[in-house]
């Protein structure tokens, strides 16, 4: 099975973004992590490609998956034969928002 081309439009500290990272790591998939908070051009590109402002967005082999959780990324990859099931446990929650503390800390 060849490696998919993955571009992940993510926030540096976000529960949803960390869930996407955890799933990609679970399957040892290389990906380009595009920071949509510290790089306005990356955010603009995400909005142009996805047609909306919510994140995370993950592009896999040209298919944009907008406003998606790690669980949803995993389900899509399994359904589209991008990956095969494995028993590895993700290293972060894969379907969880940020805590209020995380958002307050990010604003400082």
PDB file of N, CA and C in Angstrom:
ATOM      1  N   UNK A   1       0.844  -1.175   0.000  1.00  0.00           N
ATOM      2  CA  UNK A   1       0.000   0.000   0.000  1.00  0.00           C
ATOM      3  C   UNK A   1       0.895   1.247   0.000  1.00  0.00           C
ATOM      4  N   UNK A   2       0.675   2.177  -0.938  1.00  0.00           N
ATOM      5  CA  UNK A   2       1.503   3.381  -1.014  1.00  0.00           C
ATOM      6  C   UNK A   2       1.063   4.399   0.041  1.00  0.00           C
ATOM      7  N   UNK A   3       1.987   5.278   0.389  1.00  0.00           N
ATOM      8  CA  UNK A   3       1.695   6.300   1.385  1.00  0.00           C
ATOM      9  C   UNK A   3       0.814   7.376   0.765  1.00  0.00           C
ATOM     10  N   UNK A   4      -0.263   7.765   1.440  1.00  0.00           N
ATOM     11  CA  UNK A   4      -1.105   8.841   0.928  1.00  0.00           C
ATOM     12  C   UNK A   4      -0.429  10.199   1.112  1.00  0.00           C
ATOM     13  N   UNK A   5      -0.810  11.166   0.301  1.00  0.00           N
ATOM     14  CA  UNK A   5      -0.346  12.538   0.485  1.00  0.00           C
ATOM     15  C   UNK A   5      -1.362  13.213   1.399  1.00  0.00           C
ATOM     16  N   UNK A   6      -0.889  13.640   2.578  1.00  0.00           N
ATOM     17  CA  UNK A   6      -1.786  14.212   3.584  1.00  0.00           C
ATOM     18  C   UNK A   6      -1.321  15.614   3.974  1.00  0.00           C
ATOM     19  N   UNK A   7      -2.250  16.542   3.902  1.00  0.00           N
ATOM     20  CA  UNK A   7      -2.031  17.899   4.404  1.00  0.00           C
ATOM     21  C   UNK A   7      -3.083  18.129   5.479  1.00  0.00           C
ATOM     22  N   UNK A   8      -2.617  18.429   6.683  1.00  0.00           N
ATOM     23  CA  UNK A   8      -3.531  18.646   7.814  1.00  0.00           C
ATOM     24  C   UNK A   8      -3.463  20.110   8.225  1.00  0.00           C
ATOM     25  N   UNK A   9      -4.595  20.779   8.162  1.00  0.00           N
ATOM     26  CA  UNK A   9      -4.714  22.180   8.570  1.00  0.00           C
ATOM     27  C   UNK A   9      -5.158  22.173  10.025  1.00  0.00           C
ATOM     28  N   UNK A  10      -4.197  22.491  10.921  1.00  0.00           N
ATOM     29  CA  UNK A  10      -4.406  22.282  12.352  1.00  0.00           C
ATOM     30  C   UNK A  10      -4.010  23.497  13.171  1.00  0.00           C
ATOM     31  N   UNK A  11      -4.539  23.551  14.387  1.00  0.00           N
ATOM     32  CA  UNK A  11      -4.129  24.542  15.375  1.00  0.00           C
ATOM     33  C   UNK A  11      -3.013  23.915  16.209  1.00  0.00           C
ATOM     34  N   UNK A  12      -2.058  24.727  16.661  1.00  0.00           N
ATOM     35  CA  UNK A  12      -0.949  24.171  17.461  1.00  0.00           C
ATOM     36  C   UNK A  12      -1.428  23.487  18.742  1.00  0.00           C
ATOM     37  N   UNK A  13      -2.387  24.078  19.437  1.00  0.00           N
ATOM     38  CA  UNK A  13      -2.920  23.486  20.660  1.00  0.00           C
ATOM     39  C   UNK A  13      -4.433  23.476  20.558  1.00  0.00           C
ATOM     40  N   UNK A  14      -4.969  22.323  20.292  1.00  0.00           N
ATOM     41  CA  UNK A  14      -6.410  22.159  20.142  1.00  0.00           C
ATOM     42  C   UNK A  14      -6.726  20.681  20.300  1.00  0.00           C
ATOM     43  N   UNK A  15      -7.752  20.367  21.063  1.00  0.00           N
ATOM     44  CA  UNK A  15      -8.126  18.968  21.251  1.00  0.00           C
ATOM     45  C   UNK A  15      -8.449  18.266  19.952  1.00  0.00           C
ATOM     46  N   UNK A  16      -9.218  18.941  19.079  1.00  0.00           N
ATOM     47  CA  UNK A  16      -9.581  18.321  17.803  1.00  0.00           C
ATOM     48  C   UNK A  16      -8.338  18.104  16.943  1.00  0.00           C
ATOM     49  N   UNK A  17      -7.460  19.112  16.878  1.00  0.00           N
ATOM     50  CA  UNK A  17      -6.234  18.993  16.075  1.00  0.00           C
ATOM     51  C   UNK A  17      -5.328  17.895  16.627  1.00  0.00           C
ATOM     52  N   UNK A  18      -5.201  17.826  17.941  1.00  0.00           N
ATOM     53  CA  UNK A  18      -4.375  16.782  18.542  1.00  0.00           C
ATOM     54  C   UNK A  18      -4.951  15.390  18.273  1.00  0.00           C
ATOM     55  N   UNK A  19      -6.271  15.290  18.184  1.00  0.00           N
ATOM     56  CA  UNK A  19      -6.902  14.019  17.840  1.00  0.00           C
ATOM     57  C   UNK A  19      -6.552  13.570  16.430  1.00  0.00           C
ATOM     58  N   UNK A  20      -6.528  14.516  15.498  1.00  0.00           N
ATOM     59  CA  UNK A  20      -6.124  14.196  14.118  1.00  0.00           C
ATOM     60  C   UNK A  20      -4.669  13.751  14.105  1.00  0.00           C
ATOM     61  N   UNK A  21      -3.811  14.494  14.797  1.00  0.00           N
ATOM     62  CA  UNK A  21      -2.388  14.110  14.862  1.00  0.00           C
ATOM     63  C   UNK A  21      -2.225  12.704  15.440  1.00  0.00           C
ATOM     64  N   UNK A  22      -2.985  12.391  16.491  1.00  0.00           N
ATOM     65  CA  UNK A  22      -2.887  11.076  17.141  1.00  0.00           C
ATOM     66  C   UNK A  22      -3.270   9.955  16.182  1.00  0.00           C
ATOM     67  N   UNK A  23      -4.297  10.165  15.366  1.00  0.00           N
ATOM     68  CA  UNK A  23      -4.704   9.128  14.409  1.00  0.00           C
ATOM     69  C   UNK A  23      -3.645   8.959  13.324  1.00  0.00           C
ATOM     70  N   UNK A  24      -3.119  10.052  12.803  1.00  0.00           N
ATOM     71  CA  UNK A  24      -2.088   9.934  11.773  1.00  0.00           C
ATOM     72  C   UNK A  24      -0.845   9.240  12.324  1.00  0.00           C
ATOM     73  N   UNK A  25      -0.512   9.534  13.577  1.00  0.00           N
ATOM     74  CA  UNK A  25       0.622   8.863  14.229  1.00  0.00           C
ATOM     75  C   UNK A  25       0.325   7.379  14.450  1.00  0.00           C
ATOM     76  N   UNK A  26      -0.911   7.060  14.832  1.00  0.00           N
ATOM     77  CA  UNK A  26      -1.305   5.664  15.064  1.00  0.00           C
ATOM     78  C   UNK A  26      -1.014   4.798  13.843  1.00  0.00           C
ATOM     79  N   UNK A  27      -1.176   5.378  12.667  1.00  0.00           N
ATOM     80  CA  UNK A  27      -0.948   4.634  11.419  1.00  0.00           C
ATOM     81  C   UNK A  27       0.408   4.951  10.784  1.00  0.00           C
ATOM     82  N   UNK A  28       1.279   5.645  11.517  1.00  0.00           N
ATOM     83  CA  UNK A  28       2.615   6.002  11.017  1.00  0.00           C
ATOM     84  C   UNK A  28       2.557   6.695   9.665  1.00  0.00           C
ATOM     85  N   UNK A  29       1.609   7.601   9.513  1.00  0.00           N
ATOM     86  CA  UNK A  29       1.440   8.299   8.242  1.00  0.00           C
ATOM     87  C   UNK A  29       2.167   9.637   8.257  1.00  0.00           C
ATOM     88  N   UNK A  30       3.041   9.854   7.299  1.00  0.00           N
ATOM     89  CA  UNK A  30       3.660  11.176   7.195  1.00  0.00           C
ATOM     90  C   UNK A  30       2.617  12.171   6.702  1.00  0.00           C
ATOM     91  N   UNK A  31       2.708  13.391   7.195  1.00  0.00           N
ATOM     92  CA  UNK A  31       1.762  14.421   6.777  1.00  0.00           C
ATOM     93  C   UNK A  31       2.390  15.786   6.953  1.00  0.00           C
ATOM     94  N   UNK A  32       1.845  16.750   6.239  1.00  0.00           N
ATOM     95  CA  UNK A  32       2.277  18.124   6.371  1.00  0.00           C
ATOM     96  C   UNK A  32       1.337  18.802   7.353  1.00  0.00           C
ATOM     97  N   UNK A  33       1.865  19.287   8.466  1.00  0.00           N
ATOM     98  CA  UNK A  33       1.098  19.939   9.524  1.00  0.00           C
ATOM     99  C   UNK A  33       1.119  21.441   9.248  1.00  0.00           C
ATOM    100  N   UNK A  34       0.006  21.970   8.764  1.00  0.00           N
ATOM    101  CA  UNK A  34      -0.077  23.390   8.434  1.00  0.00           C
ATOM    102  C   UNK A  34      -0.766  24.147   9.565  1.00  0.00           C
ATOM    103  N   UNK A  35      -0.025  25.057  10.164  1.00  0.00           N
ATOM    104  CA  UNK A  35      -0.456  25.843  11.323  1.00  0.00           C
ATOM    105  C   UNK A  35      -1.373  26.976  10.855  1.00  0.00           C
ATOM    106  N   UNK A  36      -2.661  26.860  11.156  1.00  0.00           N
ATOM    107  CA  UNK A  36      -3.622  27.873  10.702  1.00  0.00           C
ATOM    108  C   UNK A  36      -3.766  29.041  11.682  1.00  0.00           C
ATOM    109  N   UNK A  37      -3.100  28.985  12.807  1.00  0.00           N
ATOM    110  CA  UNK A  37      -3.158  30.081  13.771  1.00  0.00           C
ATOM    111  C   UNK A  37      -2.002  31.053  13.559  1.00  0.00           C
ATOM    112  N   UNK A  38      -0.801  30.547  13.444  1.00  0.00           N
ATOM    113  CA  UNK A  38       0.382  31.387  13.322  1.00  0.00           C
ATOM    114  C   UNK A  38       0.762  31.708  11.882  1.00  0.00           C
ATOM    115  N   UNK A  39       0.053  31.121  10.929  1.00  0.00           N
ATOM    116  CA  UNK A  39       0.350  31.375   9.521  1.00  0.00           C
ATOM    117  C   UNK A  39      -0.970  31.703   8.790  1.00  0.00           C
ATOM    118  N   UNK A  40      -1.290  32.990   8.663  1.00  0.00           N
ATOM    119  CA  UNK A  40      -2.548  33.381   8.019  1.00  0.00           C
ATOM    120  C   UNK A  40      -2.702  32.837   6.596  1.00  0.00           C
ATOM    121  N   UNK A  41      -1.617  32.669   5.884  1.00  0.00           N
ATOM    122  CA  UNK A  41      -1.701  32.133   4.518  1.00  0.00           C
ATOM    123  C   UNK A  41      -2.195  30.685   4.535  1.00  0.00           C
ATOM    124  N   UNK A  42      -1.787  29.915   5.535  1.00  0.00           N
ATOM    125  CA  UNK A  42      -2.252  28.524   5.649  1.00  0.00           C
ATOM    126  C   UNK A  42      -3.741  28.489   5.966  1.00  0.00           C
ATOM    127  N   UNK A  43      -4.195  29.384   6.828  1.00  0.00           N
ATOM    128  CA  UNK A  43      -5.627  29.458   7.153  1.00  0.00           C
ATOM    129  C   UNK A  43      -6.429  29.852   5.909  1.00  0.00           C
ATOM    130  N   UNK A  44      -5.936  30.827   5.157  1.00  0.00           N
ATOM    131  CA  UNK A  44      -6.620  31.254   3.936  1.00  0.00           C
ATOM    132  C   UNK A  44      -6.699  30.103   2.928  1.00  0.00           C
ATOM    133  N   UNK A  45      -5.617  29.350   2.818  1.00  0.00           N
ATOM    134  CA  UNK A  45      -5.613  28.201   1.914  1.00  0.00           C
ATOM    135  C   UNK A  45      -6.641  27.155   2.349  1.00  0.00           C
ATOM    136  N   UNK A  46      -6.712  26.902   3.663  1.00  0.00           N
ATOM    137  CA  UNK A  46      -7.687  25.942   4.183  1.00  0.00           C
ATOM    138  C   UNK A  46      -9.110  26.389   3.847  1.00  0.00           C
ATOM    139  N   UNK A  47      -9.403  27.667   4.062  1.00  0.00           N
ATOM    140  CA  UNK A  47     -10.743  28.190   3.790  1.00  0.00           C
ATOM    141  C   UNK A  47     -11.066  28.082   2.300  1.00  0.00           C
ATOM    142  N   UNK A  48     -10.103  28.428   1.459  1.00  0.00           N
ATOM    143  CA  UNK A  48     -10.322  28.338   0.012  1.00  0.00           C
ATOM    144  C   UNK A  48     -10.596  26.905  -0.425  1.00  0.00           C
ATOM    145  N   UNK A  49      -9.808  25.961   0.095  1.00  0.00           N
ATOM    146  CA  UNK A  49      -9.954  24.554  -0.312  1.00  0.00           C
ATOM    147  C   UNK A  49     -11.192  23.887   0.280  1.00  0.00           C
ATOM    148  N   UNK A  50     -11.533  24.243   1.532  1.00  0.00           N
ATOM    149  CA  UNK A  50     -12.636  23.556   2.210  1.00  0.00           C
ATOM    150  C   UNK A  50     -13.979  24.270   2.056  1.00  0.00           C
ATOM    151  N   UNK A  51     -13.926  25.567   1.761  1.00  0.00           N
ATOM    152  CA  UNK A  51     -15.151  26.335   1.630  1.00  0.00           C
ATOM    153  C   UNK A  51     -15.762  26.750   2.952  1.00  0.00           C
ATOM    154  N   UNK A  52     -15.003  26.610   4.048  1.00  0.00           N
ATOM    155  CA  UNK A  52     -15.523  27.006   5.361  1.00  0.00           C
ATOM    156  C   UNK A  52     -14.370  27.320   6.303  1.00  0.00           C
ATOM    157  N   UNK A  53     -14.695  27.875   7.488  1.00  0.00           N
ATOM    158  CA  UNK A  53     -13.655  28.356   8.408  1.00  0.00           C
ATOM    159  C   UNK A  53     -13.341  27.417   9.560  1.00  0.00           C
ATOM    160  N   UNK A  54     -14.117  26.364   9.734  1.00  0.00           N
ATOM    161  CA  UNK A  54     -13.917  25.481  10.881  1.00  0.00           C
ATOM    162  C   UNK A  54     -12.753  24.531  10.652  1.00  0.00           C
ATOM    163  N   UNK A  55     -12.083  24.181  11.725  1.00  0.00           N
ATOM    164  CA  UNK A  55     -10.948  23.255  11.647  1.00  0.00           C
ATOM    165  C   UNK A  55     -11.100  22.190  12.726  1.00  0.00           C
ATOM    166  N   UNK A  56     -10.358  21.112  12.598  1.00  0.00           N
ATOM    167  CA  UNK A  56      -9.347  20.805  11.603  1.00  0.00           C
ATOM    168  C   UNK A  56      -9.962  20.425  10.243  1.00  0.00           C
ATOM    169  N   UNK A  57      -9.133  20.609   9.224  1.00  0.00           N
ATOM    170  CA  UNK A  57      -9.441  20.116   7.886  1.00  0.00           C
ATOM    171  C   UNK A  57      -8.251  19.277   7.458  1.00  0.00           C
ATOM    172  N   UNK A  58      -8.535  18.155   6.828  1.00  0.00           N
ATOM    173  CA  UNK A  58      -7.471  17.249   6.402  1.00  0.00           C
ATOM    174  C   UNK A  58      -7.691  16.913   4.929  1.00  0.00           C
ATOM    175  N   UNK A  59      -6.648  17.098   4.137  1.00  0.00           N
ATOM    176  CA  UNK A  59      -6.704  16.751   2.722  1.00  0.00           C
ATOM    177  C   UNK A  59      -5.891  15.468   2.517  1.00  0.00           C
ATOM    178  N   UNK A  60      -6.547  14.443   2.001  1.00  0.00           N
ATOM    179  CA  UNK A  60      -5.886  13.158   1.768  1.00  0.00           C
ATOM    180  C   UNK A  60      -6.014  12.822   0.290  1.00  0.00           C
ATOM    181  N   UNK A  61      -4.869  12.752  -0.373  1.00  0.00           N
ATOM    182  CA  UNK A  61      -4.837  12.461  -1.813  1.00  0.00           C
ATOM    183  C   UNK A  61      -5.799  13.359  -2.594  1.00  0.00           C
ATOM    184  N   UNK A  62      -5.849  14.639  -2.220  1.00  0.00           N
ATOM    185  CA  UNK A  62      -6.678  15.600  -2.929  1.00  0.00           C
ATOM    186  C   UNK A  62      -8.114  15.686  -2.450  1.00  0.00           C
ATOM    187  N   UNK A  63      -8.532  14.814  -1.553  1.00  0.00           N
ATOM    188  CA  UNK A  63      -9.901  14.824  -1.015  1.00  0.00           C
ATOM    189  C   UNK A  63      -9.917  15.609   0.294  1.00  0.00           C
ATOM    190  N   UNK A  64     -10.662  16.715   0.316  1.00  0.00           N
ATOM    191  CA  UNK A  64     -10.725  17.553   1.518  1.00  0.00           C
ATOM    192  C   UNK A  64     -11.789  17.028   2.475  1.00  0.00           C
ATOM    193  N   UNK A  65     -11.380  16.841   3.730  1.00  0.00           N
ATOM    194  CA  UNK A  65     -12.274  16.420   4.811  1.00  0.00           C
ATOM    195  C   UNK A  65     -12.387  17.613   5.768  1.00  0.00           C
ATOM    196  N   UNK A  66     -13.442  18.436   5.638  1.00  0.00           N
ATOM    197  CA  UNK A  66     -13.534  19.655   6.443  1.00  0.00           C
ATOM    198  C   UNK A  66     -14.116  19.423   7.831  1.00  0.00           C
ATOM    199  N   UNK A  67     -13.636  20.240   8.773  1.00  0.00           N
ATOM    200  CA  UNK A  67     -14.166  20.249  10.142  1.00  0.00           C
ATOM    201  C   UNK A  67     -14.337  18.826  10.657  1.00  0.00           C
ATOM    202  N   UNK A  68     -13.224  18.143  10.864  1.00  0.00           N
ATOM    203  CA  UNK A  68     -13.248  16.704  11.115  1.00  0.00           C
ATOM    204  C   UNK A  68     -12.483  16.332  12.386  1.00  0.00           C
ATOM    205  N   UNK A  69     -12.951  15.315  13.058  1.00  0.00           N
ATOM    206  CA  UNK A  69     -12.274  14.808  14.260  1.00  0.00           C
ATOM    207  C   UNK A  69     -11.299  13.700  13.865  1.00  0.00           C
ATOM    208  N   UNK A  70     -10.456  13.330  14.799  1.00  0.00           N
ATOM    209  CA  UNK A  70      -9.558  12.204  14.563  1.00  0.00           C
ATOM    210  C   UNK A  70     -10.322  10.924  14.276  1.00  0.00           C
ATOM    211  N   UNK A  71     -11.404  10.689  15.021  1.00  0.00           N
ATOM    212  CA  UNK A  71     -12.227   9.496  14.789  1.00  0.00           C
ATOM    213  C   UNK A  71     -12.772   9.475  13.371  1.00  0.00           C
ATOM    214  N   UNK A  72     -13.229  10.630  12.900  1.00  0.00           N
ATOM    215  CA  UNK A  72     -13.793  10.706  11.551  1.00  0.00           C
ATOM    216  C   UNK A  72     -12.720  10.526  10.479  1.00  0.00           C
ATOM    217  N   UNK A  73     -11.522  11.054  10.728  1.00  0.00           N
ATOM    218  CA  UNK A  73     -10.410  10.835   9.786  1.00  0.00           C
ATOM    219  C   UNK A  73     -10.111   9.349   9.697  1.00  0.00           C
ATOM    220  N   UNK A  74     -10.032   8.691  10.851  1.00  0.00           N
ATOM    221  CA  UNK A  74      -9.745   7.258  10.871  1.00  0.00           C
ATOM    222  C   UNK A  74     -10.823   6.470  10.130  1.00  0.00           C
ATOM    223  N   UNK A  75     -12.081   6.771  10.394  1.00  0.00           N
ATOM    224  CA  UNK A  75     -13.182   6.064   9.731  1.00  0.00           C
ATOM    225  C   UNK A  75     -13.124   6.263   8.218  1.00  0.00           C
ATOM    226  N   UNK A  76     -12.835   7.482   7.775  1.00  0.00           N
ATOM    227  CA  UNK A  76     -12.759   7.757   6.342  1.00  0.00           C
ATOM    228  C   UNK A  76     -11.599   6.978   5.709  1.00  0.00           C
ATOM    229  N   UNK A  77     -10.446   6.985   6.381  1.00  0.00           N
ATOM    230  CA  UNK A  77      -9.281   6.270   5.825  1.00  0.00           C
ATOM    231  C   UNK A  77      -9.535   4.770   5.755  1.00  0.00           C
ATOM    232  N   UNK A  78     -10.184   4.214   6.771  1.00  0.00           N
ATOM    233  CA  UNK A  78     -10.504   2.781   6.746  1.00  0.00           C
ATOM    234  C   UNK A  78     -11.505   2.468   5.634  1.00  0.00           C
ATOM    235  N   UNK A  79     -12.537   3.289   5.497  1.00  0.00           N
ATOM    236  CA  UNK A  79     -13.571   3.060   4.479  1.00  0.00           C
ATOM    237  C   UNK A  79     -13.026   3.194   3.061  1.00  0.00           C
ATOM    238  N   UNK A  80     -11.972   3.998   2.902  1.00  0.00           N
ATOM    239  CA  UNK A  80     -11.400   4.244   1.580  1.00  0.00           C
ATOM    240  C   UNK A  80     -10.095   3.476   1.348  1.00  0.00           C
ATOM    241  N   UNK A  81      -9.845   2.486   2.205  1.00  0.00           N
ATOM    242  CA  UNK A  81      -8.672   1.609   2.077  1.00  0.00           C
ATOM    243  C   UNK A  81      -7.341   2.363   2.036  1.00  0.00           C
ATOM    244  N   UNK A  82      -7.275   3.463   2.767  1.00  0.00           N
ATOM    245  CA  UNK A  82      -6.025   4.210   2.907  1.00  0.00           C
ATOM    246  C   UNK A  82      -5.151   3.516   3.953  1.00  0.00           C
ATOM    247  N   UNK A  83      -5.797   2.980   4.992  1.00  0.00           N
ATOM    248  CA  UNK A  83      -5.110   2.243   6.060  1.00  0.00           C
ATOM    249  C   UNK A  83      -5.885   0.960   6.342  1.00  0.00           C
ATOM    250  N   UNK A  84      -5.222   0.059   7.025  1.00  0.00           N
ATOM    251  CA  UNK A  84      -5.855  -1.175   7.498  1.00  0.00           C
ATOM    252  C   UNK A  84      -5.975  -1.075   9.022  1.00  0.00           C
ATOM    253  N   UNK A  85      -6.998  -1.688   9.603  1.00  0.00           N
ATOM    254  CA  UNK A  85      -7.156  -1.608  11.063  1.00  0.00           C
ATOM    255  C   UNK A  85      -5.902  -2.090  11.789  1.00  0.00           C
ATOM    256  N   UNK A  86      -5.620  -1.448  12.914  1.00  0.00           N
ATOM    257  CA  UNK A  86      -4.550  -1.934  13.783  1.00  0.00           C
ATOM    258  C   UNK A  86      -4.975  -1.755  15.232  1.00  0.00           C
ATOM    259  N   UNK A  87      -4.253  -2.364  16.127  1.00  0.00           N
ATOM    260  CA  UNK A  87      -4.620  -2.360  17.553  1.00  0.00           C
ATOM    261  C   UNK A  87      -3.895  -1.286  18.357  1.00  0.00           C
ATOM    262  N   UNK A  88      -3.122  -0.440  17.700  1.00  0.00           N
ATOM    263  CA  UNK A  88      -2.412   0.615  18.428  1.00  0.00           C
ATOM    264  C   UNK A  88      -3.413   1.578  19.070  1.00  0.00           C
ATOM    265  N   UNK A  89      -3.032   2.077  20.211  1.00  0.00           N
ATOM    266  CA  UNK A  89      -3.878   3.030  20.933  1.00  0.00           C
ATOM    267  C   UNK A  89      -3.346   4.438  20.643  1.00  0.00           C
ATOM    268  N   UNK A  90      -4.213   5.348  20.200  1.00  0.00           N
ATOM    269  CA  UNK A  90      -3.759   6.721  19.942  1.00  0.00           C
ATOM    270  C   UNK A  90      -3.185   7.344  21.213  1.00  0.00           C
ATOM    271  N   UNK A  91      -2.226   8.262  21.034  1.00  0.00           N
ATOM    272  CA  UNK A  91      -1.564   8.868  22.195  1.00  0.00           C
ATOM    273  C   UNK A  91      -2.270  10.128  22.711  1.00  0.00           C
ATOM    274  N   UNK A  92      -3.459  10.397  22.185  1.00  0.00           N
ATOM    275  CA  UNK A  92      -4.274  11.532  22.651  1.00  0.00           C
ATOM    276  C   UNK A  92      -5.733  11.201  22.358  1.00  0.00           C
ATOM    277  N   UNK A  93      -6.659  11.871  23.057  1.00  0.00           N
ATOM    278  CA  UNK A  93      -8.076  11.676  22.720  1.00  0.00           C
ATOM    279  C   UNK A  93      -8.309  12.073  21.264  1.00  0.00           C
ATOM    280  N   UNK A  94      -9.158  11.326  20.573  1.00  0.00           N
ATOM    281  CA  UNK A  94      -9.329  11.542  19.137  1.00  0.00           C
ATOM    282  C   UNK A  94     -10.658  12.197  18.764  1.00  0.00           C
ATOM    283  N   UNK A  95     -11.476  12.515  19.758  1.00  0.00           N
ATOM    284  CA  UNK A  95     -12.765  13.119  19.483  1.00  0.00           C
ATOM    285  C   UNK A  95     -13.149  14.034  20.644  1.00  0.00           C
ATOM    286  N   UNK A  96     -12.295  15.038  20.875  1.00  0.00           N
ATOM    287  CA  UNK A  96     -12.469  15.862  22.071  1.00  0.00           C
ATOM    288  C   UNK A  96     -12.063  17.299  21.784  1.00  0.00           C
ATOM    289  N   UNK A  97     -12.864  18.232  22.264  1.00  0.00           N
ATOM    290  CA  UNK A  97     -12.522  19.641  22.108  1.00  0.00           C
ATOM    291  C   UNK A  97     -11.442  20.034  23.108  1.00  0.00           C
ATOM    292  N   UNK A  98     -11.014  21.272  23.004  1.00  0.00           N
ATOM    293  CA  UNK A  98     -10.032  21.796  23.948  1.00  0.00           C
ATOM    294  C   UNK A  98     -10.716  22.082  25.280  1.00  0.00           C
ATOM    295  N   UNK A  99      -9.951  22.006  26.327  1.00  0.00           N
ATOM    296  CA  UNK A  99     -10.481  22.399  27.626  1.00  0.00           C
ATOM    297  C   UNK A  99     -10.536  23.924  27.695  1.00  0.00           C
ATOM    298  N   UNK A 100     -11.349  24.450  28.579  1.00  0.00           N
ATOM    299  CA  UNK A 100     -11.425  25.905  28.757  1.00  0.00           C
ATOM    300  C   UNK A 100     -10.052  26.448  29.138  1.00  0.00           C
ATOM    301  N   UNK A 101      -9.316  25.710  29.944  1.00  0.00           N
ATOM    302  CA  UNK A 101      -7.966  26.117  30.352  1.00  0.00           C
ATOM    303  C   UNK A 101      -7.056  26.281  29.141  1.00  0.00           C
ATOM    304  N   UNK A 102      -7.146  25.350  28.194  1.00  0.00           N
ATOM    305  CA  UNK A 102      -6.306  25.402  27.001  1.00  0.00           C
ATOM    306  C   UNK A 102      -6.591  26.681  26.219  1.00  0.00           C
ATOM    307  N   UNK A 103      -7.878  27.034  26.051  1.00  0.00           N
ATOM    308  CA  UNK A 103      -8.234  28.244  25.318  1.00  0.00           C
ATOM    309  C   UNK A 103      -7.770  29.492  26.051  1.00  0.00           C
ATOM    310  N   UNK A 104      -7.907  29.540  27.354  1.00  0.00           N
ATOM    311  CA  UNK A 104      -7.456  30.693  28.117  1.00  0.00           C
ATOM    312  C   UNK A 104      -5.945  30.835  28.019  1.00  0.00           C
ATOM    313  N   UNK A 105      -5.228  29.727  28.117  1.00  0.00           N
ATOM    314  CA  UNK A 105      -3.774  29.742  28.043  1.00  0.00           C
ATOM    315  C   UNK A 105      -3.312  30.203  26.661  1.00  0.00           C
ATOM    316  N   UNK A 106      -3.997  29.799  25.617  1.00  0.00           N
ATOM    317  CA  UNK A 106      -3.606  30.155  24.249  1.00  0.00           C
ATOM    318  C   UNK A 106      -3.746  31.649  23.999  1.00  0.00           C
ATOM    319  N   UNK A 107      -4.623  32.340  24.758  1.00  0.00           N
ATOM    320  CA  UNK A 107      -4.833  33.766  24.560  1.00  0.00           C
ATOM    321  C   UNK A 107      -3.773  34.612  25.249  1.00  0.00           C
ATOM    322  N   UNK A 108      -3.009  34.037  26.162  1.00  0.00           N
ATOM    323  CA  UNK A 108      -2.020  34.797  26.936  1.00  0.00           C
ATOM    324  C   UNK A 108      -0.825  35.117  26.088  1.00  0.00           C
TER     325      UNK A 108
END
